[in-house]
């Protein structure tokens, strides 16, 4: 199975749970044994690739600024790309520039995805039952990509993926192991670093730096 084989299911769930006038957003970055798989929540209409006129890469966080602070401070994004992102307005992201950003992400061996691929007009909260409909698809995604470490952002995503009640503040730097189709994968839960969680950005950076130093580089 390939990642492209999952898109028809994402598009079907977009019609069920997302804004009908927007595209679902898929994933981006390194798809062959990346060091990290970053799993966020769900996309919004701020992402230009959600437009029906967009024909290029449909990946998380296009057209935004704040999330790239996380990548840059973890040395997972080149300085030149980061500076271009910080200077560019969301409406000015082109298909070519988006491809360049994710080419850089790929070079840093990161795979970026959302648990929910259903694009909303805004950052409205989604019920657990919506995310749970994507859970098996995420497992297939992980199996295809085969990352070394999976980082789950926020309490809701972490609780659903790990199938237990998670409070990030109580399990910082705690390793979780889950089996997908006979293979064990390593998970960590970290604070959601944007939106209402922006004030937790430093904690997210600190925890992932610790994971890199203690787990990835050893």
C-alpha atoms as a PDB file:
ATOM      1  CA  UNK A   1       0.000   0.000   0.000  1.00  0.00           C
ATOM      2  CA  UNK A   2       1.085   3.593  -0.733  1.00  0.00           C
ATOM      3  CA  UNK A   3       0.086   6.875   0.883  1.00  0.00           C
ATOM      4  CA  UNK A   4      -1.794   7.783  -2.281  1.00  0.00           C
ATOM      5  CA  UNK A   5      -4.095   4.814  -1.675  1.00  0.00           C
ATOM      6  CA  UNK A   6      -5.457   6.548   1.443  1.00  0.00           C
ATOM      7  CA  UNK A   7      -6.521   9.788  -0.226  1.00  0.00           C
ATOM      8  CA  UNK A   8      -9.906   8.555  -1.408  1.00  0.00           C
ATOM      9  CA  UNK A   9     -10.838   7.809   2.212  1.00  0.00           C
ATOM     10  CA  UNK A  10      -9.617  11.226   3.349  1.00  0.00           C
ATOM     11  CA  UNK A  11     -11.685  12.908   0.645  1.00  0.00           C
ATOM     12  CA  UNK A  12     -14.741  10.855   1.587  1.00  0.00           C
ATOM     13  CA  UNK A  13     -14.417  11.928   5.231  1.00  0.00           C
ATOM     14  CA  UNK A  14     -13.916  15.537   4.137  1.00  0.00           C
ATOM     15  CA  UNK A  15     -17.428  15.474   2.680  1.00  0.00           C
ATOM     16  CA  UNK A  16     -18.734  13.976   5.914  1.00  0.00           C
ATOM     17  CA  UNK A  17     -16.950  16.132   8.495  1.00  0.00           C
ATOM     18  CA  UNK A  18     -15.229  19.017   6.733  1.00  0.00           C
ATOM     19  CA  UNK A  19     -16.244  22.119   4.824  1.00  0.00           C
ATOM     20  CA  UNK A  20     -17.709  20.941   1.531  1.00  0.00           C
ATOM     21  CA  UNK A  21     -16.100  23.776  -0.410  1.00  0.00           C
ATOM     22  CA  UNK A  22     -12.595  22.888   0.778  1.00  0.00           C
ATOM     23  CA  UNK A  23     -10.140  20.104   0.014  1.00  0.00           C
ATOM     24  CA  UNK A  24      -8.894  17.678   2.635  1.00  0.00           C
ATOM     25  CA  UNK A  25      -5.229  18.101   3.553  1.00  0.00           C
ATOM     26  CA  UNK A  26      -2.962  15.062   3.478  1.00  0.00           C
ATOM     27  CA  UNK A  27       0.661  15.001   4.670  1.00  0.00           C
ATOM     28  CA  UNK A  28       4.179  15.957   3.646  1.00  0.00           C
ATOM     29  CA  UNK A  29       7.880  15.470   4.224  1.00  0.00           C
ATOM     30  CA  UNK A  30      10.013  12.342   4.408  1.00  0.00           C
ATOM     31  CA  UNK A  31       7.974   9.236   3.604  1.00  0.00           C
ATOM     32  CA  UNK A  32      10.726   6.612   3.891  1.00  0.00           C
ATOM     33  CA  UNK A  33      11.720   5.789   7.479  1.00  0.00           C
ATOM     34  CA  UNK A  34      11.826   9.377   8.797  1.00  0.00           C
ATOM     35  CA  UNK A  35      13.350  10.152  12.172  1.00  0.00           C
ATOM     36  CA  UNK A  36      10.079  11.722  13.304  1.00  0.00           C
ATOM     37  CA  UNK A  37       6.419  11.573  12.430  1.00  0.00           C
ATOM     38  CA  UNK A  38       4.699  14.692  13.801  1.00  0.00           C
ATOM     39  CA  UNK A  39       0.950  14.210  14.314  1.00  0.00           C
ATOM     40  CA  UNK A  40      -1.165  17.347  14.759  1.00  0.00           C
ATOM     41  CA  UNK A  41      -4.950  17.802  14.969  1.00  0.00           C
ATOM     42  CA  UNK A  42      -6.690  18.927  11.764  1.00  0.00           C
ATOM     43  CA  UNK A  43      -6.270  21.596   9.074  1.00  0.00           C
ATOM     44  CA  UNK A  44      -8.189  24.839   8.527  1.00  0.00           C
ATOM     45  CA  UNK A  45      -9.097  26.960   5.541  1.00  0.00           C
ATOM     46  CA  UNK A  46      -6.044  29.158   6.174  1.00  0.00           C
ATOM     47  CA  UNK A  47      -4.094  26.471   4.357  1.00  0.00           C
ATOM     48  CA  UNK A  48      -4.072  27.562   0.683  1.00  0.00           C
ATOM     49  CA  UNK A  49      -3.936  23.953  -0.509  1.00  0.00           C
ATOM     50  CA  UNK A  50      -7.494  23.523   0.789  1.00  0.00           C
ATOM     51  CA  UNK A  51      -8.704  25.604  -2.171  1.00  0.00           C
ATOM     52  CA  UNK A  52     -10.366  23.691  -4.993  1.00  0.00           C
ATOM     53  CA  UNK A  53      -8.140  25.578  -7.448  1.00  0.00           C
ATOM     54  CA  UNK A  54      -4.930  24.272  -5.827  1.00  0.00           C
ATOM     55  CA  UNK A  55      -3.219  21.517  -7.815  1.00  0.00           C
ATOM     56  CA  UNK A  56       0.019  21.089  -5.854  1.00  0.00           C
ATOM     57  CA  UNK A  57       1.092  19.535  -2.570  1.00  0.00           C
ATOM     58  CA  UNK A  58      -1.668  19.347   0.042  1.00  0.00           C
ATOM     59  CA  UNK A  59       0.305  19.297   3.289  1.00  0.00           C
ATOM     60  CA  UNK A  60      -0.232  20.630   6.837  1.00  0.00           C
ATOM     61  CA  UNK A  61       0.624  24.183   7.897  1.00  0.00           C
ATOM     62  CA  UNK A  62       1.022  25.763   4.456  1.00  0.00           C
ATOM     63  CA  UNK A  63       0.278  29.478   4.616  1.00  0.00           C
ATOM     64  CA  UNK A  64       1.071  29.755   8.343  1.00  0.00           C
ATOM     65  CA  UNK A  65       3.994  31.144  10.352  1.00  0.00           C
ATOM     66  CA  UNK A  66       3.957  30.125  14.019  1.00  0.00           C
ATOM     67  CA  UNK A  67       4.358  26.360  13.693  1.00  0.00           C
ATOM     68  CA  UNK A  68       7.597  26.813  11.772  1.00  0.00           C
ATOM     69  CA  UNK A  69       9.130  28.391  14.897  1.00  0.00           C
ATOM     70  CA  UNK A  70       8.987  24.897  16.384  1.00  0.00           C
ATOM     71  CA  UNK A  71      10.764  23.293  13.430  1.00  0.00           C
ATOM     72  CA  UNK A  72      13.400  26.022  13.259  1.00  0.00           C
ATOM     73  CA  UNK A  73      14.214  25.944  16.967  1.00  0.00           C
ATOM     74  CA  UNK A  74      14.659  22.180  16.735  1.00  0.00           C
ATOM     75  CA  UNK A  75      17.096  22.572  13.820  1.00  0.00           C
ATOM     76  CA  UNK A  76      14.588  20.781  11.612  1.00  0.00           C
ATOM     77  CA  UNK A  77      14.271  23.618   9.106  1.00  0.00           C
ATOM     78  CA  UNK A  78      16.994  25.532   7.285  1.00  0.00           C
ATOM     79  CA  UNK A  79      17.538  29.180   8.135  1.00  0.00           C
ATOM     80  CA  UNK A  80      16.951  30.345   4.560  1.00  0.00           C
ATOM     81  CA  UNK A  81      13.552  28.627   4.294  1.00  0.00           C
ATOM     82  CA  UNK A  82      12.520  29.828   7.757  1.00  0.00           C
ATOM     83  CA  UNK A  83      13.336  33.452   6.959  1.00  0.00           C
ATOM     84  CA  UNK A  84      11.280  33.251   3.760  1.00  0.00           C
ATOM     85  CA  UNK A  85       8.321  31.801   5.691  1.00  0.00           C
ATOM     86  CA  UNK A  86       8.426  34.579   8.295  1.00  0.00           C
ATOM     87  CA  UNK A  87       8.386  37.244   5.591  1.00  0.00           C
ATOM     88  CA  UNK A  88       5.618  35.718   3.493  1.00  0.00           C
ATOM     89  CA  UNK A  89       1.913  36.365   4.016  1.00  0.00           C
ATOM     90  CA  UNK A  90      -0.397  33.371   3.943  1.00  0.00           C
ATOM     91  CA  UNK A  91      -2.061  34.425   0.705  1.00  0.00           C
ATOM     92  CA  UNK A  92       1.337  34.631  -0.990  1.00  0.00           C
ATOM     93  CA  UNK A  93       2.217  30.960  -0.532  1.00  0.00           C
ATOM     94  CA  UNK A  94       2.458  29.434  -3.993  1.00  0.00           C
ATOM     95  CA  UNK A  95       2.479  25.798  -5.003  1.00  0.00           C
ATOM     96  CA  UNK A  96       6.186  26.127  -5.825  1.00  0.00           C
ATOM     97  CA  UNK A  97       7.078  27.715  -2.483  1.00  0.00           C
ATOM     98  CA  UNK A  98       5.052  25.099  -0.591  1.00  0.00           C
ATOM     99  CA  UNK A  99       6.942  22.371  -2.417  1.00  0.00           C
ATOM    100  CA  UNK A 100      10.265  24.025  -1.503  1.00  0.00           C
ATOM    101  CA  UNK A 101       9.311  24.193   2.176  1.00  0.00           C
ATOM    102  CA  UNK A 102       8.422  20.530   2.328  1.00  0.00           C
ATOM    103  CA  UNK A 103      11.501  19.544   0.354  1.00  0.00           C
ATOM    104  CA  UNK A 104      13.460  21.097   3.196  1.00  0.00           C
ATOM    105  CA  UNK A 105      11.335  19.237   5.750  1.00  0.00           C
ATOM    106  CA  UNK A 106      12.053  16.027   3.869  1.00  0.00           C
ATOM    107  CA  UNK A 107      15.805  16.675   3.988  1.00  0.00           C
ATOM    108  CA  UNK A 108      15.518  16.943   7.758  1.00  0.00           C
ATOM    109  CA  UNK A 109      13.824  13.519   7.804  1.00  0.00           C
ATOM    110  CA  UNK A 110      10.483  14.635   9.221  1.00  0.00           C
ATOM    111  CA  UNK A 111       7.029  13.442   8.181  1.00  0.00           C
ATOM    112  CA  UNK A 112       4.182  15.822   9.031  1.00  0.00           C
ATOM    113  CA  UNK A 113       0.534  14.828   9.227  1.00  0.00           C
ATOM    114  CA  UNK A 114      -2.743  15.470  11.057  1.00  0.00           C
ATOM    115  CA  UNK A 115      -4.855  12.863  12.799  1.00  0.00           C
ATOM    116  CA  UNK A 116      -7.915  14.418  11.156  1.00  0.00           C
ATOM    117  CA  UNK A 117      -7.593  15.348   7.500  1.00  0.00           C
ATOM    118  CA  UNK A 118     -10.988  17.120   7.361  1.00  0.00           C
ATOM    119  CA  UNK A 119     -10.404  20.804   6.681  1.00  0.00           C
ATOM    120  CA  UNK A 120     -12.607  23.244   8.596  1.00  0.00           C
ATOM    121  CA  UNK A 121     -13.260  26.902   7.802  1.00  0.00           C
ATOM    122  CA  UNK A 122     -11.663  27.869  11.121  1.00  0.00           C
ATOM    123  CA  UNK A 123     -10.025  26.312  14.173  1.00  0.00           C
ATOM    124  CA  UNK A 124     -13.261  25.005  15.701  1.00  0.00           C
ATOM    125  CA  UNK A 125     -12.856  21.976  18.006  1.00  0.00           C
ATOM    126  CA  UNK A 126     -13.733  18.536  16.683  1.00  0.00           C
ATOM    127  CA  UNK A 127     -15.430  15.795  18.675  1.00  0.00           C
ATOM    128  CA  UNK A 128     -13.447  12.688  19.564  1.00  0.00           C
ATOM    129  CA  UNK A 129     -15.700  10.567  17.374  1.00  0.00           C
ATOM    130  CA  UNK A 130     -14.518  12.472  14.277  1.00  0.00           C
ATOM    131  CA  UNK A 131     -10.861  11.865  15.051  1.00  0.00           C
ATOM    132  CA  UNK A 132     -11.549   8.224  15.840  1.00  0.00           C
ATOM    133  CA  UNK A 133     -12.822   7.701  12.300  1.00  0.00           C
ATOM    134  CA  UNK A 134      -9.323   8.616  11.110  1.00  0.00           C
ATOM    135  CA  UNK A 135      -7.463   6.433  13.582  1.00  0.00           C
ATOM    136  CA  UNK A 136      -7.157   3.336  11.437  1.00  0.00           C
ATOM    137  CA  UNK A 137      -6.056   5.490   8.498  1.00  0.00           C
ATOM    138  CA  UNK A 138      -3.338   7.040  10.660  1.00  0.00           C
ATOM    139  CA  UNK A 139      -2.153   3.577  11.614  1.00  0.00           C
ATOM    140  CA  UNK A 140      -1.898   2.664   7.947  1.00  0.00           C
ATOM    141  CA  UNK A 141      -0.026   5.913   7.322  1.00  0.00           C
ATOM    142  CA  UNK A 142       2.457   5.104  10.076  1.00  0.00           C
ATOM    143  CA  UNK A 143       2.901   1.573   8.767  1.00  0.00           C
ATOM    144  CA  UNK A 144       3.652   2.860   5.256  1.00  0.00           C
ATOM    145  CA  UNK A 145       6.063   5.597   6.368  1.00  0.00           C
ATOM    146  CA  UNK A 146       7.687   3.561   9.192  1.00  0.00           C
ATOM    147  CA  UNK A 147       9.056   6.397  11.369  1.00  0.00           C
ATOM    148  CA  UNK A 148      11.573   5.906  14.165  1.00  0.00           C
ATOM    149  CA  UNK A 149       9.628   8.069  16.639  1.00  0.00           C
ATOM    150  CA  UNK A 150       6.071   9.436  16.560  1.00  0.00           C
ATOM    151  CA  UNK A 151       5.308  12.721  18.321  1.00  0.00           C
ATOM    152  CA  UNK A 152       1.659  13.367  19.194  1.00  0.00           C
ATOM    153  CA  UNK A 153       0.708  16.997  19.809  1.00  0.00           C
ATOM    154  CA  UNK A 154      -1.850  17.760  22.503  1.00  0.00           C
ATOM    155  CA  UNK A 155      -4.077  15.875  24.926  1.00  0.00           C
ATOM    156  CA  UNK A 156      -6.872  15.021  22.514  1.00  0.00           C
ATOM    157  CA  UNK A 157      -4.743  13.574  19.736  1.00  0.00           C
ATOM    158  CA  UNK A 158      -2.555  11.732  22.236  1.00  0.00           C
ATOM    159  CA  UNK A 159      -5.515  10.203  24.076  1.00  0.00           C
ATOM    160  CA  UNK A 160      -7.161   8.952  20.894  1.00  0.00           C
ATOM    161  CA  UNK A 161      -4.025   7.540  19.295  1.00  0.00           C
ATOM    162  CA  UNK A 162      -2.733   5.909  22.477  1.00  0.00           C
ATOM    163  CA  UNK A 163      -6.219   4.782  23.549  1.00  0.00           C
ATOM    164  CA  UNK A 164      -5.830   6.057  27.102  1.00  0.00           C
ATOM    165  CA  UNK A 165      -6.527   9.315  28.901  1.00  0.00           C
ATOM    166  CA  UNK A 166      -3.481  11.511  28.389  1.00  0.00           C
ATOM    167  CA  UNK A 167      -2.568  14.758  30.101  1.00  0.00           C
ATOM    168  CA  UNK A 168       0.612  15.990  28.473  1.00  0.00           C
ATOM    169  CA  UNK A 169       1.671  17.858  31.611  1.00  0.00           C
ATOM    170  CA  UNK A 170       1.749  14.549  33.508  1.00  0.00           C
ATOM    171  CA  UNK A 171       3.643  12.467  30.951  1.00  0.00           C
ATOM    172  CA  UNK A 172       6.341  14.726  29.561  1.00  0.00           C
ATOM    173  CA  UNK A 173       9.249  12.721  28.121  1.00  0.00           C
ATOM    174  CA  UNK A 174       7.414   9.472  28.809  1.00  0.00           C
ATOM    175  CA  UNK A 175       7.796   6.787  26.168  1.00  0.00           C
ATOM    176  CA  UNK A 176       4.743   4.875  24.980  1.00  0.00           C
ATOM    177  CA  UNK A 177       4.907   1.764  22.823  1.00  0.00           C
ATOM    178  CA  UNK A 178       2.086   0.627  20.601  1.00  0.00           C
ATOM    179  CA  UNK A 179       1.957  -2.214  18.073  1.00  0.00           C
ATOM    180  CA  UNK A 180       0.692  -1.676  14.538  1.00  0.00           C
ATOM    181  CA  UNK A 181       0.355  -4.776  12.369  1.00  0.00           C
ATOM    182  CA  UNK A 182       2.941  -6.673  14.385  1.00  0.00           C
ATOM    183  CA  UNK A 183       5.550  -3.886  14.633  1.00  0.00           C
ATOM    184  CA  UNK A 184       6.250  -1.852  17.781  1.00  0.00           C
ATOM    185  CA  UNK A 185       6.395   1.932  17.454  1.00  0.00           C
ATOM    186  CA  UNK A 186       7.600   4.531  19.941  1.00  0.00           C
ATOM    187  CA  UNK A 187       5.312   7.466  20.774  1.00  0.00           C
ATOM    188  CA  UNK A 188       5.716  10.638  22.820  1.00  0.00           C
ATOM    189  CA  UNK A 189       3.062  13.147  23.784  1.00  0.00           C
ATOM    190  CA  UNK A 190       3.999  16.843  23.792  1.00  0.00           C
ATOM    191  CA  UNK A 191       2.167  20.123  24.250  1.00  0.00           C
ATOM    192  CA  UNK A 192       0.294  21.571  21.287  1.00  0.00           C
ATOM    193  CA  UNK A 193       2.506  24.527  20.305  1.00  0.00           C
ATOM    194  CA  UNK A 194       0.185  26.864  18.344  1.00  0.00           C
ATOM    195  CA  UNK A 195      -3.150  28.612  18.758  1.00  0.00           C
ATOM    196  CA  UNK A 196      -4.265  28.522  22.386  1.00  0.00           C
ATOM    197  CA  UNK A 197      -1.201  26.388  23.107  1.00  0.00           C
ATOM    198  CA  UNK A 198       1.271  28.983  21.835  1.00  0.00           C
ATOM    199  CA  UNK A 199       2.442  29.685  25.390  1.00  0.00           C
ATOM    200  CA  UNK A 200       3.582  26.033  25.589  1.00  0.00           C
ATOM    201  CA  UNK A 201       5.908  26.299  22.586  1.00  0.00           C
ATOM    202  CA  UNK A 202       9.051  26.360  24.731  1.00  0.00           C
ATOM    203  CA  UNK A 203       7.931  23.193  26.542  1.00  0.00           C
ATOM    204  CA  UNK A 204       7.315  21.449  23.224  1.00  0.00           C
ATOM    205  CA  UNK A 205      10.754  22.445  21.990  1.00  0.00           C
ATOM    206  CA  UNK A 206      12.388  21.325  25.228  1.00  0.00           C
ATOM    207  CA  UNK A 207      10.713  17.913  25.180  1.00  0.00           C
ATOM    208  CA  UNK A 208      11.505  17.184  21.541  1.00  0.00           C
ATOM    209  CA  UNK A 209      15.118  18.299  22.005  1.00  0.00           C
ATOM    210  CA  UNK A 210      15.303  15.812  24.874  1.00  0.00           C
ATOM    211  CA  UNK A 211      13.866  13.068  22.644  1.00  0.00           C
ATOM    212  CA  UNK A 212      16.438  13.874  19.949  1.00  0.00           C
ATOM    213  CA  UNK A 213      19.328  13.808  22.411  1.00  0.00           C
ATOM    214  CA  UNK A 214      18.305  10.842  24.557  1.00  0.00           C
ATOM    215  CA  UNK A 215      16.449   8.603  22.129  1.00  0.00           C
ATOM    216  CA  UNK A 216      17.145   9.499  18.522  1.00  0.00           C
ATOM    217  CA  UNK A 217      20.899  10.059  18.742  1.00  0.00           C
ATOM    218  CA  UNK A 218      21.567   7.036  20.996  1.00  0.00           C
END
